[in-house]
Amino acid sequence: MNDRRADEGSLESTEADRSTRANESASERREPRDPGSRETPSSQPPDPDRSGTEPGPGTDPNRGWATLAFALALVSFVTAGATAAIHDLTTAAAGAAVLALAFAALGAVALTEGSGVAASLAEGWAEHRLYVWFATALFGGGVVLGAALVAAGIDLTELFLELLSEEFGDEELVDDELAEGGGIELSATFFLVQNTPPFLAAIFGALTLGLVTTIIMVFNGIIVGNIAVVTGLEVGFGPIVALLAPHGIFELPALFIAAGVGFRFLHRAGQRLVGSRDSLFTKTYVYRTTLLVVFGWLLLALAAFVEAYLTIVIAETLFPELAEP
């Protein structure tokens, strides 16, 4: 009898030990990994250029960029058709059509390449977006400052007209043509030639520790804010929006992207200087940043076509009084 009880006790003890070990094993599996642990699935160190630039879970950068590219292609095709139908400018219409094909090609590539151009654009945007928002904030601050100058009695219209005359070349010739009720031919080439230098200056302004980039953003904001408020108080703000929005929705993001690239490069240079970054340039950084800059310039080109051939048409359609001499 005693032996049987001993055997039963031993059996219960063995089963208890097994249960304890099973619970400990399950507890170990449930324990979170030590955040300081250096264990990684691969012995390769993470790429510092890719840190924080991956799309979030559930996102599809290819589809997103394809949708955007096809939408821009549609706008370009509409611009090309309007240019040919309204202005009878075959060469300009062909240029807008070529731009549409470029955007359409980007959309097609985004749909067919799983980790190619679209993924690199997505990574480039993820890396630069905070700096693009910073540039946008600088411009917005300039707009507010320009509006505040109006409240203080300062009108920058004359300054703007002087700058405009300098862009056209001969100020007296410009004044004469406007006084005679004529017009100055504003082509997409003109706007693109005028807007590309500020676009590039916003990027390479990083070499001035960001000073030139900051000035471009703030100064343009001041001019736009001041002139918009001054003119809006005279003729209404509806026509002002109609004269700025059609091309501004493409031109301003292009400039913000350029400024964001400049600010990001300045930050990388600072990181390299203090030793927190091993190299200033890498192949992946140069590649995806170049793609982002090219995309920004294509936006600038689209803005030039819209401003030259569509903005006035849209504004005069919405506000017929603008067509009056």
Foldseek 3Di string as FASTA:
>chain_A
DVVVVVVVVVVVVVVVVVVVVVVVVVVVVPDDDDPPDPDDPDPDDDDPLQPQLADDPPDQLLQVLLVVLQVLLVLLLVLLVLCCPPVVDNVQSVVSNVLSVVSNVSSVCSVVDRCPLSVLLSSLCSLLVVLLVVLVVLLQVLLVVLLVVVVVVDACPVVVLVVVCVLVPHNVVQVVCVVVVHDDQQALVSQLVVQVVLLQCLQVVLVVVNPSVSCSSNVNSNNLNNVLVVVCVVVNNVLVCLLQVQLVVLLVSLSSLSNSNSVSLNVLVVCVVVPVDDDSDDPSNVVSSVSSNVVSSSSSSSSSSCNNRPSVVRSCVVPVVVVDD
